[in-house]
Amino acid sequence: MEKYFDQHNVQKTQKVCITILYLELNEFVWYRWICSLLKLVTLSVFMEEMIVHFEDTKRNTFFS
């Protein structure tokens, strides 16, 4: 995604808004929950929290 953002000169404030367009229902529900906990969700915080939350430790893949 970062390459896309760089190529299209996406502003930092818009990165999370664009990213959430591609979430599945479970991820979107999680996103709404994380927003209720944190005042400001930057892309780096968003990605870090998402990886921690959705990491499949058994298969070591992203999004179980």
PDB file of N, CA and C in Angstrom:
ATOM      1  N   MET A   1       0.811  -1.187   0.000  1.00  0.00           N
ATOM      2  CA  MET A   1       0.000   0.000   0.000  1.00  0.00           C
ATOM      3  C   MET A   1       0.863   1.262   0.000  1.00  0.00           C
ATOM      4  N   GLU A   2       1.969   1.182   0.690  1.00  0.00           N
ATOM      5  CA  GLU A   2       2.822   2.369   0.745  1.00  0.00           C
ATOM      6  C   GLU A   2       3.283   2.804  -0.645  1.00  0.00           C
ATOM      7  N   LYS A   3       3.561   1.850  -1.510  1.00  0.00           N
ATOM      8  CA  LYS A   3       3.959   2.205  -2.876  1.00  0.00           C
ATOM      9  C   LYS A   3       2.830   2.949  -3.585  1.00  0.00           C
ATOM     10  N   TYR A   4       1.616   2.462  -3.407  1.00  0.00           N
ATOM     11  CA  TYR A   4       0.451   3.135  -3.993  1.00  0.00           C
ATOM     12  C   TYR A   4       0.337   4.551  -3.456  1.00  0.00           C
ATOM     13  N   PHE A   5       0.451   4.688  -2.153  1.00  0.00           N
ATOM     14  CA  PHE A   5       0.339   6.001  -1.534  1.00  0.00           C
ATOM     15  C   PHE A   5       1.421   6.955  -2.045  1.00  0.00           C
ATOM     16  N   ASP A   6       2.620   6.442  -2.169  1.00  0.00           N
ATOM     17  CA  ASP A   6       3.723   7.269  -2.669  1.00  0.00           C
ATOM     18  C   ASP A   6       3.502   7.690  -4.118  1.00  0.00           C
ATOM     19  N   GLN A   7       3.085   6.747  -4.942  1.00  0.00           N
ATOM     20  CA  GLN A   7       2.866   7.050  -6.358  1.00  0.00           C
ATOM     21  C   GLN A   7       1.759   8.070  -6.577  1.00  0.00           C
ATOM     22  N   HIS A   8       0.758   8.037  -5.708  1.00  0.00           N
ATOM     23  CA  HIS A   8      -0.396   8.920  -5.872  1.00  0.00           C
ATOM     24  C   HIS A   8      -0.389  10.108  -4.914  1.00  0.00           C
ATOM     25  N   ASN A   9       0.724  10.285  -4.231  1.00  0.00           N
ATOM     26  CA  ASN A   9       0.879  11.413  -3.304  1.00  0.00           C
ATOM     27  C   ASN A   9      -0.289  11.534  -2.316  1.00  0.00           C
ATOM     28  N   VAL A  10      -0.649  10.404  -1.732  1.00  0.00           N
ATOM     29  CA  VAL A  10      -1.742  10.384  -0.767  1.00  0.00           C
ATOM     30  C   VAL A  10      -1.262  11.023   0.534  1.00  0.00           C
ATOM     31  N   GLN A  11      -2.065  11.920   1.055  1.00  0.00           N
ATOM     32  CA  GLN A  11      -1.710  12.587   2.305  1.00  0.00           C
ATOM     33  C   GLN A  11      -1.836  11.608   3.465  1.00  0.00           C
ATOM     34  N   LYS A  12      -1.033  11.825   4.483  1.00  0.00           N
ATOM     35  CA  LYS A  12      -1.048  10.947   5.656  1.00  0.00           C
ATOM     36  C   LYS A  12      -2.437  10.831   6.265  1.00  0.00           C
ATOM     37  N   THR A  13      -3.168  11.916   6.259  1.00  0.00           N
ATOM     38  CA  THR A  13      -4.500  11.909   6.865  1.00  0.00           C
ATOM     39  C   THR A  13      -5.501  11.066   6.090  1.00  0.00           C
ATOM     40  N   GLN A  14      -5.208  10.745   4.846  1.00  0.00           N
ATOM     41  CA  GLN A  14      -6.128   9.964   4.017  1.00  0.00           C
ATOM     42  C   GLN A  14      -5.774   8.482   3.934  1.00  0.00           C
ATOM     43  N   LYS A  15      -4.619   8.108   4.394  1.00  0.00           N
ATOM     44  CA  LYS A  15      -4.153   6.730   4.235  1.00  0.00           C
ATOM     45  C   LYS A  15      -5.051   5.708   4.919  1.00  0.00           C
ATOM     46  N   VAL A  16      -5.446   5.966   6.134  1.00  0.00           N
ATOM     47  CA  VAL A  16      -6.316   5.023   6.843  1.00  0.00           C
ATOM     48  C   VAL A  16      -7.684   4.970   6.162  1.00  0.00           C
ATOM     49  N   CYS A  17      -8.200   6.092   5.737  1.00  0.00           N
ATOM     50  CA  CYS A  17      -9.506   6.127   5.063  1.00  0.00           C
ATOM     51  C   CYS A  17      -9.502   5.265   3.804  1.00  0.00           C
ATOM     52  N   ILE A  18      -8.441   5.319   3.065  1.00  0.00           N
ATOM     53  CA  ILE A  18      -8.327   4.502   1.850  1.00  0.00           C
ATOM     54  C   ILE A  18      -8.157   3.032   2.214  1.00  0.00           C
ATOM     55  N   THR A  19      -7.350   2.764   3.202  1.00  0.00           N
ATOM     56  CA  THR A  19      -7.074   1.388   3.598  1.00  0.00           C
ATOM     57  C   THR A  19      -8.334   0.672   4.070  1.00  0.00           C
ATOM     58  N   ILE A  20      -9.176   1.330   4.836  1.00  0.00           N
ATOM     59  CA  ILE A  20     -10.359   0.652   5.373  1.00  0.00           C
ATOM     60  C   ILE A  20     -11.370   0.284   4.290  1.00  0.00           C
ATOM     61  N   LEU A  21     -11.253   0.887   3.125  1.00  0.00           N
ATOM     62  CA  LEU A  21     -12.138   0.519   2.018  1.00  0.00           C
ATOM     63  C   LEU A  21     -11.936  -0.933   1.603  1.00  0.00           C
ATOM     64  N   TYR A  22     -10.788  -1.496   1.903  1.00  0.00           N
ATOM     65  CA  TYR A  22     -10.441  -2.848   1.475  1.00  0.00           C
ATOM     66  C   TYR A  22     -10.604  -3.889   2.580  1.00  0.00           C
ATOM     67  N   LEU A  23     -11.170  -3.495   3.696  1.00  0.00           N
ATOM     68  CA  LEU A  23     -11.329  -4.431   4.800  1.00  0.00           C
ATOM     69  C   LEU A  23     -12.540  -5.336   4.603  1.00  0.00           C
ATOM     70  N   GLU A  24     -12.407  -6.549   5.075  1.00  0.00           N
ATOM     71  CA  GLU A  24     -13.534  -7.479   5.143  1.00  0.00           C
ATOM     72  C   GLU A  24     -14.361  -7.082   6.363  1.00  0.00           C
ATOM     73  N   LEU A  25     -15.529  -7.679   6.509  1.00  0.00           N
ATOM     74  CA  LEU A  25     -16.437  -7.303   7.596  1.00  0.00           C
ATOM     75  C   LEU A  25     -15.786  -7.445   8.969  1.00  0.00           C
ATOM     76  N   ASN A  26     -15.141  -8.584   9.234  1.00  0.00           N
ATOM     77  CA  ASN A  26     -14.508  -8.786  10.547  1.00  0.00           C
ATOM     78  C   ASN A  26     -13.445  -7.734  10.827  1.00  0.00           C
ATOM     79  N   GLU A  27     -12.656  -7.416   9.808  1.00  0.00           N
ATOM     80  CA  GLU A  27     -11.617  -6.404   9.992  1.00  0.00           C
ATOM     81  C   GLU A  27     -12.228  -5.013  10.205  1.00  0.00           C
ATOM     82  N   PHE A  28     -13.324  -4.750   9.520  1.00  0.00           N
ATOM     83  CA  PHE A  28     -13.970  -3.446   9.687  1.00  0.00           C
ATOM     84  C   PHE A  28     -14.553  -3.299  11.091  1.00  0.00           C
ATOM     85  N   VAL A  29     -15.144  -4.360  11.586  1.00  0.00           N
ATOM     86  CA  VAL A  29     -15.670  -4.338  12.956  1.00  0.00           C
ATOM     87  C   VAL A  29     -14.535  -4.091  13.939  1.00  0.00           C
ATOM     88  N   TRP A  30     -13.417  -4.794  13.715  1.00  0.00           N
ATOM     89  CA  TRP A  30     -12.250  -4.568  14.557  1.00  0.00           C
ATOM     90  C   TRP A  30     -11.794  -3.111  14.446  1.00  0.00           C
ATOM     91  N   TYR A  31     -11.748  -2.560  13.254  1.00  0.00           N
ATOM     92  CA  TYR A  31     -11.324  -1.174  13.035  1.00  0.00           C
ATOM     93  C   TYR A  31     -12.213  -0.208  13.828  1.00  0.00           C
ATOM     94  N   ARG A  32     -13.507  -0.413  13.790  1.00  0.00           N
ATOM     95  CA  ARG A  32     -14.421   0.459  14.557  1.00  0.00           C
ATOM     96  C   ARG A  32     -14.126   0.367  16.051  1.00  0.00           C
ATOM     97  N   TRP A  33     -13.807  -0.839  16.497  1.00  0.00           N
ATOM     98  CA  TRP A  33     -13.492  -1.029  17.915  1.00  0.00           C
ATOM     99  C   TRP A  33     -12.198  -0.301  18.275  1.00  0.00           C
ATOM    100  N   ILE A  34     -11.161  -0.457  17.448  1.00  0.00           N
ATOM    101  CA  ILE A  34      -9.875   0.182  17.754  1.00  0.00           C
ATOM    102  C   ILE A  34     -10.028   1.708  17.736  1.00  0.00           C
ATOM    103  N   CYS A  35     -10.877   2.215  16.866  1.00  0.00           N
ATOM    104  CA  CYS A  35     -11.123   3.664  16.826  1.00  0.00           C
ATOM    105  C   CYS A  35     -11.805   4.142  18.100  1.00  0.00           C
ATOM    106  N   SER A  36     -12.618   3.303  18.685  1.00  0.00           N
ATOM    107  CA  SER A  36     -13.277   3.695  19.928  1.00  0.00           C
ATOM    108  C   SER A  36     -12.286   3.756  21.092  1.00  0.00           C
ATOM    109  N   LEU A  37     -11.177   3.017  20.975  1.00  0.00           N
ATOM    110  CA  LEU A  37     -10.169   3.014  22.034  1.00  0.00           C
ATOM    111  C   LEU A  37      -9.131   4.122  21.877  1.00  0.00           C
ATOM    112  N   LEU A  38      -8.776   4.415  20.640  1.00  0.00           N
ATOM    113  CA  LEU A  38      -7.723   5.386  20.359  1.00  0.00           C
ATOM    114  C   LEU A  38      -8.317   6.640  19.744  1.00  0.00           C
ATOM    115  N   LYS A  39      -7.805   7.770  20.134  1.00  0.00           N
ATOM    116  CA  LYS A  39      -8.300   9.021  19.561  1.00  0.00           C
ATOM    117  C   LYS A  39      -7.911   9.184  18.105  1.00  0.00           C
ATOM    118  N   LEU A  40      -6.664   8.915  17.810  1.00  0.00           N
ATOM    119  CA  LEU A  40      -6.156   9.089  16.454  1.00  0.00           C
ATOM    120  C   LEU A  40      -5.506   7.796  16.001  1.00  0.00           C
ATOM    121  N   VAL A  41      -5.975   7.282  14.883  1.00  0.00           N
ATOM    122  CA  VAL A  41      -5.404   6.052  14.346  1.00  0.00           C
ATOM    123  C   VAL A  41      -4.634   6.412  13.080  1.00  0.00           C
ATOM    124  N   THR A  42      -3.316   6.424  13.211  1.00  0.00           N
ATOM    125  CA  THR A  42      -2.460   6.666  12.049  1.00  0.00           C
ATOM    126  C   THR A  42      -2.289   5.350  11.309  1.00  0.00           C
ATOM    127  N   LEU A  43      -1.785   5.422  10.095  1.00  0.00           N
ATOM    128  CA  LEU A  43      -1.586   4.198   9.322  1.00  0.00           C
ATOM    129  C   LEU A  43      -0.602   3.266  10.009  1.00  0.00           C
ATOM    130  N   SER A  44       0.452   3.787  10.572  1.00  0.00           N
ATOM    131  CA  SER A  44       1.433   2.926  11.242  1.00  0.00           C
ATOM    132  C   SER A  44       0.811   2.231  12.457  1.00  0.00           C
ATOM    133  N   VAL A  45       0.039   2.956  13.240  1.00  0.00           N
ATOM    134  CA  VAL A  45      -0.652   2.355  14.392  1.00  0.00           C
ATOM    135  C   VAL A  45      -1.680   1.342  13.898  1.00  0.00           C
ATOM    136  N   PHE A  46      -2.427   1.715  12.880  1.00  0.00           N
ATOM    137  CA  PHE A  46      -3.435   0.842  12.296  1.00  0.00           C
ATOM    138  C   PHE A  46      -2.821  -0.490  11.851  1.00  0.00           C
ATOM    139  N   MET A  47      -1.744  -0.434  11.083  1.00  0.00           N
ATOM    140  CA  MET A  47      -1.110  -1.644  10.569  1.00  0.00           C
ATOM    141  C   MET A  47      -0.511  -2.475  11.697  1.00  0.00           C
ATOM    142  N   GLU A  48       0.129  -1.822  12.632  1.00  0.00           N
ATOM    143  CA  GLU A  48       0.728  -2.540  13.755  1.00  0.00           C
ATOM    144  C   GLU A  48      -0.333  -3.270  14.569  1.00  0.00           C
ATOM    145  N   GLU A  49      -1.404  -2.568  14.903  1.00  0.00           N
ATOM    146  CA  GLU A  49      -2.480  -3.171  15.690  1.00  0.00           C
ATOM    147  C   GLU A  49      -3.190  -4.270  14.909  1.00  0.00           C
ATOM    148  N   MET A  50      -3.368  -4.073  13.632  1.00  0.00           N
ATOM    149  CA  MET A  50      -4.047  -5.059  12.802  1.00  0.00           C
ATOM    150  C   MET A  50      -3.224  -6.350  12.714  1.00  0.00           C
ATOM    151  N   ILE A  51      -1.940  -6.219  12.529  1.00  0.00           N
ATOM    152  CA  ILE A  51      -1.074  -7.397  12.462  1.00  0.00           C
ATOM    153  C   ILE A  51      -1.101  -8.151  13.787  1.00  0.00           C
ATOM    154  N   VAL A  52      -1.010  -7.443  14.871  1.00  0.00           N
ATOM    155  CA  VAL A  52      -1.048  -8.087  16.187  1.00  0.00           C
ATOM    156  C   VAL A  52      -2.387  -8.803  16.387  1.00  0.00           C
ATOM    157  N   HIS A  53      -3.458  -8.158  16.006  1.00  0.00           N
ATOM    158  CA  HIS A  53      -4.787  -8.722  16.248  1.00  0.00           C
ATOM    159  C   HIS A  53      -5.108  -9.894  15.330  1.00  0.00           C
ATOM    160  N   PHE A  54      -4.753  -9.804  14.061  1.00  0.00           N
ATOM    161  CA  PHE A  54      -5.170 -10.802  13.088  1.00  0.00           C
ATOM    162  C   PHE A  54      -4.099 -11.818  12.701  1.00  0.00           C
ATOM    163  N   GLU A  55      -2.952 -11.740  13.297  1.00  0.00           N
ATOM    164  CA  GLU A  55      -1.879 -12.672  12.949  1.00  0.00           C
ATOM    165  C   GLU A  55      -2.264 -14.097  13.328  1.00  0.00           C
ATOM    166  N   ASP A  56      -2.091 -15.007  12.398  1.00  0.00           N
ATOM    167  CA  ASP A  56      -2.368 -16.418  12.640  1.00  0.00           C
ATOM    168  C   ASP A  56      -1.064 -17.069  13.092  1.00  0.00           C
ATOM    169  N   THR A  57      -0.962 -17.332  14.364  1.00  0.00           N
ATOM    170  CA  THR A  57       0.290 -17.846  14.915  1.00  0.00           C
ATOM    171  C   THR A  57       0.528 -19.305  14.526  1.00  0.00           C
ATOM    172  N   LYS A  58      -0.497 -20.066  14.234  1.00  0.00           N
ATOM    173  CA  LYS A  58      -0.312 -21.471  13.881  1.00  0.00           C
ATOM    174  C   LYS A  58       0.284 -21.624  12.490  1.00  0.00           C
ATOM    175  N   ARG A  59      -0.202 -20.845  11.537  1.00  0.00           N
ATOM    176  CA  ARG A  59       0.295 -20.951  10.169  1.00  0.00           C
ATOM    177  C   ARG A  59       1.274 -19.846   9.834  1.00  0.00           C
ATOM    178  N   ASN A  60       1.431 -18.890  10.771  1.00  0.00           N
ATOM    179  CA  ASN A  60       2.331 -17.777  10.566  1.00  0.00           C
ATOM    180  C   ASN A  60       1.997 -16.983   9.294  1.00  0.00           C
ATOM    181  N   THR A  61       0.714 -16.770   9.112  1.00  0.00           N
ATOM    182  CA  THR A  61       0.256 -15.966   7.976  1.00  0.00           C
ATOM    183  C   THR A  61      -0.593 -14.825   8.485  1.00  0.00           C
ATOM    184  N   PHE A  62      -0.698 -13.820   7.670  1.00  0.00           N
ATOM    185  CA  PHE A  62      -1.495 -12.653   8.013  1.00  0.00           C
ATOM    186  C   PHE A  62      -2.953 -12.931   7.699  1.00  0.00           C
ATOM    187  N   PHE A  63      -3.833 -12.552   8.547  1.00  0.00           N
ATOM    188  CA  PHE A  63      -5.269 -12.746   8.412  1.00  0.00           C
ATOM    189  C   PHE A  63      -5.659 -14.219   8.419  1.00  0.00           C
ATOM    190  N   SER A  64      -5.862 -14.721   9.601  1.00  0.00           N
ATOM    191  CA  SER A  64      -6.273 -16.125   9.732  1.00  0.00           C
ATOM    192  C   SER A  64      -7.658 -16.338   9.176  1.00  0.00           C
TER     193      SER A  64
END
